[in-house]
Amino acid sequence: ISYSLEILFPQDGRDVFGINRKSGEIRLKNDLDFEDVGFYRLQVDATDQGNPPLSGHCKVVLEVLDVND
């Protein structure tokens, strides 16, 4: 199975998250800041290597909390 990540909201969130194409593990590429963006909506797509290839997707919603205040 091969995984890919699409940032649905906000559009400029592409520099924040990355995905391991083999395991599907989502990791941060940069720091999150509640004051910049408090909410992210991602879509993870999974495609197998069958003939024909089958695919599916799920939505990941992430809310950033402000723990410093």
PDB file of N, CA and C in Angstrom:
ATOM      1  N   ILE A   1       0.852  -1.181   0.000  1.00  0.00           N
ATOM      2  CA  ILE A   1       0.000   0.000   0.000  1.00  0.00           C
ATOM      3  C   ILE A   1       0.888   1.231   0.000  1.00  0.00           C
ATOM      4  N   SER A   2       0.501   2.216  -0.798  1.00  0.00           N
ATOM      5  CA  SER A   2       1.211   3.485  -0.878  1.00  0.00           C
ATOM      6  C   SER A   2       0.292   4.589  -0.366  1.00  0.00           C
ATOM      7  N   TYR A   3       0.815   5.427   0.525  1.00  0.00           N
ATOM      8  CA  TYR A   3       0.032   6.495   1.141  1.00  0.00           C
ATOM      9  C   TYR A   3       0.459   7.850   0.607  1.00  0.00           C
ATOM     10  N   SER A   4      -0.496   8.759   0.511  1.00  0.00           N
ATOM     11  CA  SER A   4      -0.197  10.141   0.137  1.00  0.00           C
ATOM     12  C   SER A   4      -1.049  11.062   1.001  1.00  0.00           C
ATOM     13  N   LEU A   5      -0.618  12.290   1.097  1.00  0.00           N
ATOM     14  CA  LEU A   5      -1.253  13.265   1.989  1.00  0.00           C
ATOM     15  C   LEU A   5      -1.670  14.482   1.191  1.00  0.00           C
ATOM     16  N   GLU A   6      -2.900  14.909   1.413  1.00  0.00           N
ATOM     17  CA  GLU A   6      -3.404  16.134   0.805  1.00  0.00           C
ATOM     18  C   GLU A   6      -3.872  17.056   1.927  1.00  0.00           C
ATOM     19  N   ILE A   7      -3.396  18.293   1.903  1.00  0.00           N
ATOM     20  CA  ILE A   7      -3.808  19.275   2.895  1.00  0.00           C
ATOM     21  C   ILE A   7      -5.061  19.956   2.358  1.00  0.00           C
ATOM     22  N   LEU A   8      -6.179  19.758   3.033  1.00  0.00           N
ATOM     23  CA  LEU A   8      -7.427  20.358   2.579  1.00  0.00           C
ATOM     24  C   LEU A   8      -7.601  21.775   3.114  1.00  0.00           C
ATOM     25  N   PHE A   9      -7.185  21.998   4.359  1.00  0.00           N
ATOM     26  CA  PHE A   9      -7.304  23.322   4.973  1.00  0.00           C
ATOM     27  C   PHE A   9      -6.227  23.471   6.028  1.00  0.00           C
ATOM     28  N   PRO A  10      -5.519  24.544   6.110  1.00  0.00           N
ATOM     29  CA  PRO A  10      -5.407  25.633   5.130  1.00  0.00           C
ATOM     30  C   PRO A  10      -4.529  25.205   3.962  1.00  0.00           C
ATOM     31  N   GLN A  11      -4.669  25.873   2.865  1.00  0.00           N
ATOM     32  CA  GLN A  11      -3.927  25.516   1.656  1.00  0.00           C
ATOM     33  C   GLN A  11      -2.416  25.658   1.825  1.00  0.00           C
ATOM     34  N   ASP A  12      -1.974  26.571   2.690  1.00  0.00           N
ATOM     35  CA  ASP A  12      -0.530  26.771   2.874  1.00  0.00           C
ATOM     36  C   ASP A  12       0.049  25.850   3.947  1.00  0.00           C
ATOM     37  N   GLY A  13      -0.668  24.811   4.363  1.00  0.00           N
ATOM     38  CA  GLY A  13      -0.193  23.891   5.386  1.00  0.00           C
ATOM     39  C   GLY A  13       0.719  22.793   4.873  1.00  0.00           C
ATOM     40  N   ARG A  14       1.110  22.841   3.613  1.00  0.00           N
ATOM     41  CA  ARG A  14       1.929  21.778   3.019  1.00  0.00           C
ATOM     42  C   ARG A  14       3.317  21.678   3.627  1.00  0.00           C
ATOM     43  N   ASP A  15       3.837  22.754   4.164  1.00  0.00           N
ATOM     44  CA  ASP A  15       5.173  22.737   4.749  1.00  0.00           C
ATOM     45  C   ASP A  15       5.170  22.234   6.188  1.00  0.00           C
ATOM     46  N   VAL A  16       4.018  21.909   6.735  1.00  0.00           N
ATOM     47  CA  VAL A  16       3.908  21.541   8.144  1.00  0.00           C
ATOM     48  C   VAL A  16       3.902  20.029   8.342  1.00  0.00           C
ATOM     49  N   PHE A  17       3.263  19.281   7.443  1.00  0.00           N
ATOM     50  CA  PHE A  17       3.092  17.845   7.610  1.00  0.00           C
ATOM     51  C   PHE A  17       3.732  17.075   6.471  1.00  0.00           C
ATOM     52  N   GLY A  18       4.181  15.869   6.792  1.00  0.00           N
ATOM     53  CA  GLY A  18       4.685  14.945   5.790  1.00  0.00           C
ATOM     54  C   GLY A  18       4.167  13.556   6.116  1.00  0.00           C
ATOM     55  N   ILE A  19       4.171  12.662   5.133  1.00  0.00           N
ATOM     56  CA  ILE A  19       3.685  11.302   5.357  1.00  0.00           C
ATOM     57  C   ILE A  19       4.701  10.311   4.815  1.00  0.00           C
ATOM     58  N   ASN A  20       4.880   9.220   5.546  1.00  0.00           N
ATOM     59  CA  ASN A  20       5.713   8.127   5.085  1.00  0.00           C
ATOM     60  C   ASN A  20       4.889   7.327   4.082  1.00  0.00           C
ATOM     61  N   ARG A  21       5.330   7.260   2.841  1.00  0.00           N
ATOM     62  CA  ARG A  21       4.539   6.632   1.776  1.00  0.00           C
ATOM     63  C   ARG A  21       4.310   5.138   2.001  1.00  0.00           C
ATOM     64  N   LYS A  22       5.189   4.495   2.771  1.00  0.00           N
ATOM     65  CA  LYS A  22       5.044   3.048   2.994  1.00  0.00           C
ATOM     66  C   LYS A  22       4.227   2.714   4.235  1.00  0.00           C
ATOM     67  N   SER A  23       4.405   3.472   5.322  1.00  0.00           N
ATOM     68  CA  SER A  23       3.718   3.148   6.579  1.00  0.00           C
ATOM     69  C   SER A  23       2.457   3.985   6.808  1.00  0.00           C
ATOM     70  N   GLY A  24       2.361   5.158   6.173  1.00  0.00           N
ATOM     71  CA  GLY A  24       1.227   6.045   6.388  1.00  0.00           C
ATOM     72  C   GLY A  24       1.382   6.931   7.616  1.00  0.00           C
ATOM     73  N   GLU A  25       2.538   6.881   8.258  1.00  0.00           N
ATOM     74  CA  GLU A  25       2.778   7.689   9.456  1.00  0.00           C
ATOM     75  C   GLU A  25       2.892   9.174   9.086  1.00  0.00           C
ATOM     76  N   ILE A  26       2.091   9.988   9.766  1.00  0.00           N
ATOM     77  CA  ILE A  26       2.101  11.437   9.539  1.00  0.00           C
ATOM     78  C   ILE A  26       3.032  12.067  10.567  1.00  0.00           C
ATOM     79  N   ARG A  27       3.927  12.917  10.106  1.00  0.00           N
ATOM     80  CA  ARG A  27       4.878  13.589  10.992  1.00  0.00           C
ATOM     81  C   ARG A  27       4.884  15.091  10.724  1.00  0.00           C
ATOM     82  N   LEU A  28       5.285  15.828  11.751  1.00  0.00           N
ATOM     83  CA  LEU A  28       5.456  17.273  11.603  1.00  0.00           C
ATOM     84  C   LEU A  28       6.782  17.566  10.919  1.00  0.00           C
ATOM     85  N   LYS A  29       6.767  18.481   9.961  1.00  0.00           N
ATOM     86  CA  LYS A  29       7.991  18.949   9.315  1.00  0.00           C
ATOM     87  C   LYS A  29       8.435  20.279   9.919  1.00  0.00           C
ATOM     88  N   ASN A  30       7.489  21.017  10.499  1.00  0.00           N
ATOM     89  CA  ASN A  30       7.772  22.302  11.142  1.00  0.00           C
ATOM     90  C   ASN A  30       6.919  22.419  12.394  1.00  0.00           C
ATOM     91  N   ASP A  31       7.186  23.438  13.195  1.00  0.00           N
ATOM     92  CA  ASP A  31       6.432  23.663  14.424  1.00  0.00           C
ATOM     93  C   ASP A  31       5.017  24.125  14.126  1.00  0.00           C
ATOM     94  N   LEU A  32       4.111  23.801  15.042  1.00  0.00           N
ATOM     95  CA  LEU A  32       2.748  24.309  14.980  1.00  0.00           C
ATOM     96  C   LEU A  32       2.631  25.515  15.887  1.00  0.00           C
ATOM     97  N   ASP A  33       1.876  26.503  15.475  1.00  0.00           N
ATOM     98  CA  ASP A  33       1.653  27.695  16.287  1.00  0.00           C
ATOM     99  C   ASP A  33       0.162  28.002  16.297  1.00  0.00           C
ATOM    100  N   PHE A  34      -0.439  27.943  17.476  1.00  0.00           N
ATOM    101  CA  PHE A  34      -1.864  28.185  17.644  1.00  0.00           C
ATOM    102  C   PHE A  34      -2.269  29.547  17.104  1.00  0.00           C
ATOM    103  N   GLU A  35      -1.404  30.539  17.266  1.00  0.00           N
ATOM    104  CA  GLU A  35      -1.747  31.893  16.827  1.00  0.00           C
ATOM    105  C   GLU A  35      -1.716  32.037  15.307  1.00  0.00           C
ATOM    106  N   ASP A  36      -0.985  31.181  14.619  1.00  0.00           N
ATOM    107  CA  ASP A  36      -0.976  31.212  13.151  1.00  0.00           C
ATOM    108  C   ASP A  36      -2.152  30.429  12.582  1.00  0.00           C
ATOM    109  N   VAL A  37      -2.252  29.163  12.970  1.00  0.00           N
ATOM    110  CA  VAL A  37      -3.332  28.283  12.489  1.00  0.00           C
ATOM    111  C   VAL A  37      -3.749  27.390  13.648  1.00  0.00           C
ATOM    112  N   GLY A  38      -5.029  27.367  13.949  1.00  0.00           N
ATOM    113  CA  GLY A  38      -5.522  26.565  15.062  1.00  0.00           C
ATOM    114  C   GLY A  38      -6.209  25.284  14.644  1.00  0.00           C
ATOM    115  N   PHE A  39      -6.339  25.052  13.331  1.00  0.00           N
ATOM    116  CA  PHE A  39      -7.110  23.919  12.847  1.00  0.00           C
ATOM    117  C   PHE A  39      -6.569  23.469  11.495  1.00  0.00           C
ATOM    118  N   TYR A  40      -6.356  22.170  11.334  1.00  0.00           N
ATOM    119  CA  TYR A  40      -5.914  21.599  10.063  1.00  0.00           C
ATOM    120  C   TYR A  40      -6.868  20.477   9.666  1.00  0.00           C
ATOM    121  N   ARG A  41      -7.138  20.373   8.385  1.00  0.00           N
ATOM    122  CA  ARG A  41      -7.924  19.266   7.845  1.00  0.00           C
ATOM    123  C   ARG A  41      -7.077  18.611   6.753  1.00  0.00           C
ATOM    124  N   LEU A  42      -6.770  17.330   6.933  1.00  0.00           N
ATOM    125  CA  LEU A  42      -5.920  16.584   6.014  1.00  0.00           C
ATOM    126  C   LEU A  42      -6.704  15.418   5.424  1.00  0.00           C
ATOM    127  N   GLN A  43      -6.283  14.969   4.266  1.00  0.00           N
ATOM    128  CA  GLN A  43      -6.849  13.749   3.693  1.00  0.00           C
ATOM    129  C   GLN A  43      -5.700  12.806   3.383  1.00  0.00           C
ATOM    130  N   VAL A  44      -5.802  11.569   3.872  1.00  0.00           N
ATOM    131  CA  VAL A  44      -4.820  10.535   3.592  1.00  0.00           C
ATOM    132  C   VAL A  44      -5.428   9.587   2.565  1.00  0.00           C
ATOM    133  N   ASP A  45      -4.710   9.400   1.467  1.00  0.00           N
ATOM    134  CA  ASP A  45      -5.131   8.474   0.420  1.00  0.00           C
ATOM    135  C   ASP A  45      -4.236   7.242   0.469  1.00  0.00           C
ATOM    136  N   ALA A  46      -4.831   6.072   0.313  1.00  0.00           N
ATOM    137  CA  ALA A  46      -4.091   4.803   0.291  1.00  0.00           C
ATOM    138  C   ALA A  46      -4.438   4.064  -0.996  1.00  0.00           C
ATOM    139  N   THR A  47      -3.404   3.586  -1.689  1.00  0.00           N
ATOM    140  CA  THR A  47      -3.590   2.863  -2.946  1.00  0.00           C
ATOM    141  C   THR A  47      -2.774   1.582  -2.896  1.00  0.00           C
ATOM    142  N   ASP A  48      -3.412   0.452  -3.270  1.00  0.00           N
ATOM    143  CA  ASP A  48      -2.668  -0.804  -3.278  1.00  0.00           C
ATOM    144  C   ASP A  48      -2.014  -1.028  -4.640  1.00  0.00           C
ATOM    145  N   GLN A  49      -1.276  -2.125  -4.761  1.00  0.00           N
ATOM    146  CA  GLN A  49      -0.534  -2.413  -5.998  1.00  0.00           C
ATOM    147  C   GLN A  49      -1.250  -3.443  -6.859  1.00  0.00           C
ATOM    148  N   GLY A  50      -2.543  -3.636  -6.639  1.00  0.00           N
ATOM    149  CA  GLY A  50      -3.301  -4.633  -7.383  1.00  0.00           C
ATOM    150  C   GLY A  50      -3.534  -4.232  -8.832  1.00  0.00           C
ATOM    151  N   ASN A  51      -4.182  -5.138  -9.553  1.00  0.00           N
ATOM    152  CA  ASN A  51      -4.503  -4.877 -10.945  1.00  0.00           C
ATOM    153  C   ASN A  51      -5.988  -5.131 -11.143  1.00  0.00           C
ATOM    154  N   PRO A  52      -6.831  -4.152 -11.182  1.00  0.00           N
ATOM    155  CA  PRO A  52      -6.538  -2.717 -11.090  1.00  0.00           C
ATOM    156  C   PRO A  52      -6.280  -2.303  -9.639  1.00  0.00           C
ATOM    157  N   PRO A  53      -5.535  -1.231  -9.447  1.00  0.00           N
ATOM    158  CA  PRO A  53      -5.265  -0.759  -8.078  1.00  0.00           C
ATOM    159  C   PRO A  53      -6.535  -0.225  -7.426  1.00  0.00           C
ATOM    160  N   LEU A  54      -6.697  -0.575  -6.161  1.00  0.00           N
ATOM    161  CA  LEU A  54      -7.817  -0.066  -5.379  1.00  0.00           C
ATOM    162  C   LEU A  54      -7.317   1.032  -4.462  1.00  0.00           C
ATOM    163  N   SER A  55      -8.188   1.968  -4.140  1.00  0.00           N
ATOM    164  CA  SER A  55      -7.765   3.069  -3.274  1.00  0.00           C
ATOM    165  C   SER A  55      -8.875   3.418  -2.293  1.00  0.00           C
ATOM    166  N   GLY A  56      -8.476   4.084  -1.237  1.00  0.00           N
ATOM    167  CA  GLY A  56      -9.405   4.577  -0.233  1.00  0.00           C
ATOM    168  C   GLY A  56      -8.809   5.814   0.392  1.00  0.00           C
ATOM    169  N   HIS A  57      -9.596   6.505   1.192  1.00  0.00           N
ATOM    170  CA  HIS A  57      -9.086   7.705   1.842  1.00  0.00           C
ATOM    171  C   HIS A  57      -9.779   7.899   3.188  1.00  0.00           C
ATOM    172  N   CYS A  58      -9.145   8.701   4.024  1.00  0.00           N
ATOM    173  CA  CYS A  58      -9.746   9.085   5.302  1.00  0.00           C
ATOM    174  C   CYS A  58      -9.390  10.541   5.585  1.00  0.00           C
ATOM    175  N   LYS A  59     -10.192  11.168   6.417  1.00  0.00           N
ATOM    176  CA  LYS A  59      -9.968  12.562   6.790  1.00  0.00           C
ATOM    177  C   LYS A  59      -9.354  12.587   8.180  1.00  0.00           C
ATOM    178  N   VAL A  60      -8.344  13.420   8.358  1.00  0.00           N
ATOM    179  CA  VAL A  60      -7.694  13.623   9.654  1.00  0.00           C
ATOM    180  C   VAL A  60      -7.907  15.088  10.026  1.00  0.00           C
ATOM    181  N   VAL A  61      -8.513  15.318  11.188  1.00  0.00           N
ATOM    182  CA  VAL A  61      -8.762  16.678  11.663  1.00  0.00           C
ATOM    183  C   VAL A  61      -7.870  16.907  12.872  1.00  0.00           C
ATOM    184  N   LEU A  62      -7.121  18.004  12.839  1.00  0.00           N
ATOM    185  CA  LEU A  62      -6.177  18.309  13.904  1.00  0.00           C
ATOM    186  C   LEU A  62      -6.483  19.687  14.460  1.00  0.00           C
ATOM    187  N   GLU A  63      -6.726  19.776  15.753  1.00  0.00           N
ATOM    188  CA  GLU A  63      -6.940  21.057  16.424  1.00  0.00           C
ATOM    189  C   GLU A  63      -5.718  21.366  17.272  1.00  0.00           C
ATOM    190  N   VAL A  64      -5.152  22.539  17.064  1.00  0.00           N
ATOM    191  CA  VAL A  64      -3.961  22.972  17.801  1.00  0.00           C
ATOM    192  C   VAL A  64      -4.428  23.735  19.019  1.00  0.00           C
ATOM    193  N   LEU A  65      -4.001  23.287  20.211  1.00  0.00           N
ATOM    194  CA  LEU A  65      -4.364  23.945  21.453  1.00  0.00           C
ATOM    195  C   LEU A  65      -3.270  24.878  21.912  1.00  0.00           C
ATOM    196  N   ASP A  66      -3.637  25.971  22.530  1.00  0.00           N
ATOM    197  CA  ASP A  66      -2.672  26.926  23.068  1.00  0.00           C
ATOM    198  C   ASP A  66      -2.421  26.561  24.522  1.00  0.00           C
ATOM    199  N   VAL A  67      -1.308  25.890  24.788  1.00  0.00           N
ATOM    200  CA  VAL A  67      -1.020  25.424  26.152  1.00  0.00           C
ATOM    201  C   VAL A  67      -0.126  26.400  26.913  1.00  0.00           C
ATOM    202  N   ASN A  68       0.388  27.434  26.268  1.00  0.00           N
ATOM    203  CA  ASN A  68       1.287  28.380  26.935  1.00  0.00           C
ATOM    204  C   ASN A  68       0.532  29.386  27.804  1.00  0.00           C
ATOM    205  N   ASP A  69      -0.740  29.662  27.496  1.00  0.00           N
ATOM    206  CA  ASP A  69      -1.466  30.694  28.228  1.00  0.00           C
ATOM    207  C   ASP A  69      -2.165  30.108  29.421  1.00  0.00           C
TER     208      ASP A  69
END
